[in-house]
Amino acid sequence: MKRLIIVTRKEKLDDIKNLFRDKYFCGMTVSDVVGIGNQSDYMDDEGVRLDKKGNIDVHLISKVRIETVVMDDQVEPLIEDVCETAYTGRYGDGKIFVEDVIDAVRIRTRERGEDALSTAYRH
């Protein structure tokens, strides 16, 4: 199992939710977050400006953080689909982080591992 942490533009959330619902049937946790990425050399009113002394004045940008846990064989297709869905071609499209999940427990039934994920995950 892998946990994907997707940080992207807020306006892409509905498209990604629809992707998850229609193709992957996976759950998600969504948080509003703020941050700044690698665009520190990019002068843009949305994120980075120069102050009166010519120093970089960093402004945090509103983003959405989506977390999901999927089976190993879903990781690469999901990454490709999310990249396609979230793409605008501009700075700030986001990042996807992939982490190993060593276990999962469904509290209600005490199912563990793959069995703790939605029944749609099961082969």
Protein backbone atom coordinates (compact mmCIF):
# COMPACT_ATOMS: atom_id res chain seq x y z
CA MET A 1 0.00 0.00 0.00
CA LYS A 2 1.11 3.55 -0.69
CA ARG A 3 -0.02 6.92 0.59
CA LEU A 4 -0.12 9.68 -1.99
CA ILE A 5 0.02 13.26 -0.79
CA ILE A 6 -1.07 15.59 -3.56
CA VAL A 7 -0.57 19.33 -3.11
CA THR A 8 -2.12 21.33 -5.92
CA ARG A 9 -4.26 24.29 -6.95
CA LYS A 10 -7.60 24.66 -5.17
CA GLU A 11 -9.47 25.02 -8.45
CA LYS A 12 -8.37 21.48 -9.42
CA LEU A 13 -9.99 19.81 -6.40
CA ASP A 14 -13.34 19.02 -8.04
CA ASP A 15 -11.64 17.50 -11.08
CA ILE A 16 -9.45 15.30 -8.89
CA LYS A 17 -12.41 14.28 -6.71
CA ASN A 18 -14.28 13.21 -9.85
CA LEU A 19 -11.25 11.24 -11.04
CA PHE A 20 -11.01 9.40 -7.72
CA ARG A 21 -14.75 8.67 -7.67
CA ASP A 22 -15.14 7.62 -11.31
CA LYS A 23 -11.95 5.66 -11.93
CA TYR A 24 -10.23 4.70 -8.67
CA PHE A 25 -13.06 4.42 -6.11
CA CYS A 26 -10.66 5.50 -3.39
CA GLY A 27 -11.25 7.63 -0.36
CA MET A 28 -9.41 10.84 0.36
CA THR A 29 -8.70 13.35 3.07
CA VAL A 30 -8.62 16.98 1.94
CA SER A 31 -7.07 19.94 3.76
CA ASP A 32 -6.70 23.60 2.90
CA VAL A 33 -3.03 24.53 3.20
CA VAL A 34 -0.74 27.43 2.35
CA GLY A 35 2.86 27.28 1.22
CA ILE A 36 5.49 28.26 -1.27
CA GLY A 37 7.35 25.91 -3.57
CA ASN A 38 10.35 26.14 -5.84
CA GLN A 39 9.09 29.23 -7.62
CA SER A 40 11.19 31.54 -5.44
CA ASP A 41 13.06 32.72 -8.55
CA TYR A 42 9.78 33.41 -10.35
CA MET A 43 8.48 36.92 -9.86
CA ASP A 44 4.72 36.64 -9.86
CA ASP A 45 2.02 38.66 -8.08
CA GLU A 46 0.51 35.35 -6.98
CA GLY A 47 3.53 34.24 -4.97
CA VAL A 48 6.80 36.14 -4.98
CA ARG A 49 7.50 39.86 -5.18
CA LEU A 50 10.39 42.17 -4.48
CA ASP A 51 10.05 44.50 -1.51
CA LYS A 52 11.21 48.15 -1.56
CA LYS A 53 14.79 47.07 -0.75
CA GLY A 54 14.88 44.54 -3.60
CA ASN A 55 14.64 41.50 -1.33
CA ILE A 56 12.36 38.64 -2.21
CA ASP A 57 9.09 39.03 -0.33
CA VAL A 58 7.50 35.59 -0.12
CA HIS A 59 3.73 35.32 0.11
CA LEU A 60 2.23 31.96 0.95
CA ILE A 61 -0.10 30.61 -1.69
CA SER A 62 -3.38 28.81 -0.90
CA LYS A 63 -3.34 25.18 -2.01
CA VAL A 64 -5.25 22.00 -1.34
CA ARG A 65 -3.66 18.86 0.13
CA ILE A 66 -5.25 15.56 -0.86
CA GLU A 67 -4.20 12.33 0.86
CA THR A 68 -5.19 8.84 -0.21
CA VAL A 69 -3.98 5.29 0.33
CA VAL A 70 -4.02 2.95 -2.65
CA MET A 71 -2.79 -0.49 -3.63
CA ASP A 72 0.70 -0.67 -5.10
CA ASP A 73 -0.57 -1.46 -8.60
CA GLN A 74 -2.71 1.70 -8.64
CA VAL A 75 0.11 4.12 -7.83
CA GLU A 76 1.57 4.80 -11.29
CA PRO A 77 -1.76 5.04 -13.16
CA LEU A 78 -3.13 7.34 -10.45
CA ILE A 79 -0.04 9.56 -10.58
CA GLU A 80 -0.34 9.86 -14.37
CA ASP A 81 -4.05 10.68 -14.17
CA VAL A 82 -3.59 13.25 -11.40
CA CYS A 83 -0.74 14.92 -13.32
CA GLU A 84 -2.96 15.12 -16.40
CA THR A 85 -5.93 16.41 -14.39
CA ALA A 86 -4.03 19.02 -12.33
CA TYR A 87 -1.81 20.29 -15.17
CA THR A 88 -2.01 23.95 -16.20
CA GLY A 89 1.58 24.38 -17.36
CA ARG A 90 2.15 27.26 -14.93
CA TYR A 91 4.23 27.48 -11.77
CA GLY A 92 2.28 26.13 -8.82
CA ASP A 93 0.64 23.08 -10.41
CA GLY A 94 1.86 21.16 -7.37
CA LYS A 95 3.63 18.02 -6.26
CA ILE A 96 2.79 14.41 -5.47
CA PHE A 97 4.62 12.63 -2.66
CA VAL A 98 4.54 8.83 -2.36
CA GLU A 99 5.08 7.02 0.94
CA ASP A 100 5.00 3.38 1.96
CA VAL A 101 2.15 2.37 4.27
CA ILE A 102 3.12 -0.51 6.53
CA ASP A 103 -0.38 -1.23 7.81
CA ALA A 104 -3.94 0.04 7.97
CA VAL A 105 -6.70 -0.82 10.43
CA ARG A 106 -10.43 -0.38 9.89
CA ILE A 107 -11.55 0.63 13.38
CA ARG A 108 -15.11 -0.69 13.10
CA THR A 109 -14.21 -4.26 12.02
CA ARG A 110 -10.52 -4.45 13.00
CA GLU A 111 -9.67 -5.54 9.44
CA ARG A 112 -6.00 -4.94 8.66
CA GLY A 113 -3.79 -4.27 5.67
CA GLU A 114 -5.45 -4.42 2.26
CA ASP A 115 -8.67 -5.67 3.86
CA ALA A 116 -8.97 -2.36 5.73
CA LEU A 117 -9.23 -0.45 2.47
CA SER A 118 -12.49 -0.08 0.60
CA THR A 119 -13.88 -3.27 -0.91
CA ALA A 120 -13.40 -1.63 -4.33
CA TYR A 121 -9.63 -2.13 -3.84
CA ARG A 122 -9.91 -5.88 -3.52
CA HIS A 123 -9.12 -8.01 -6.55
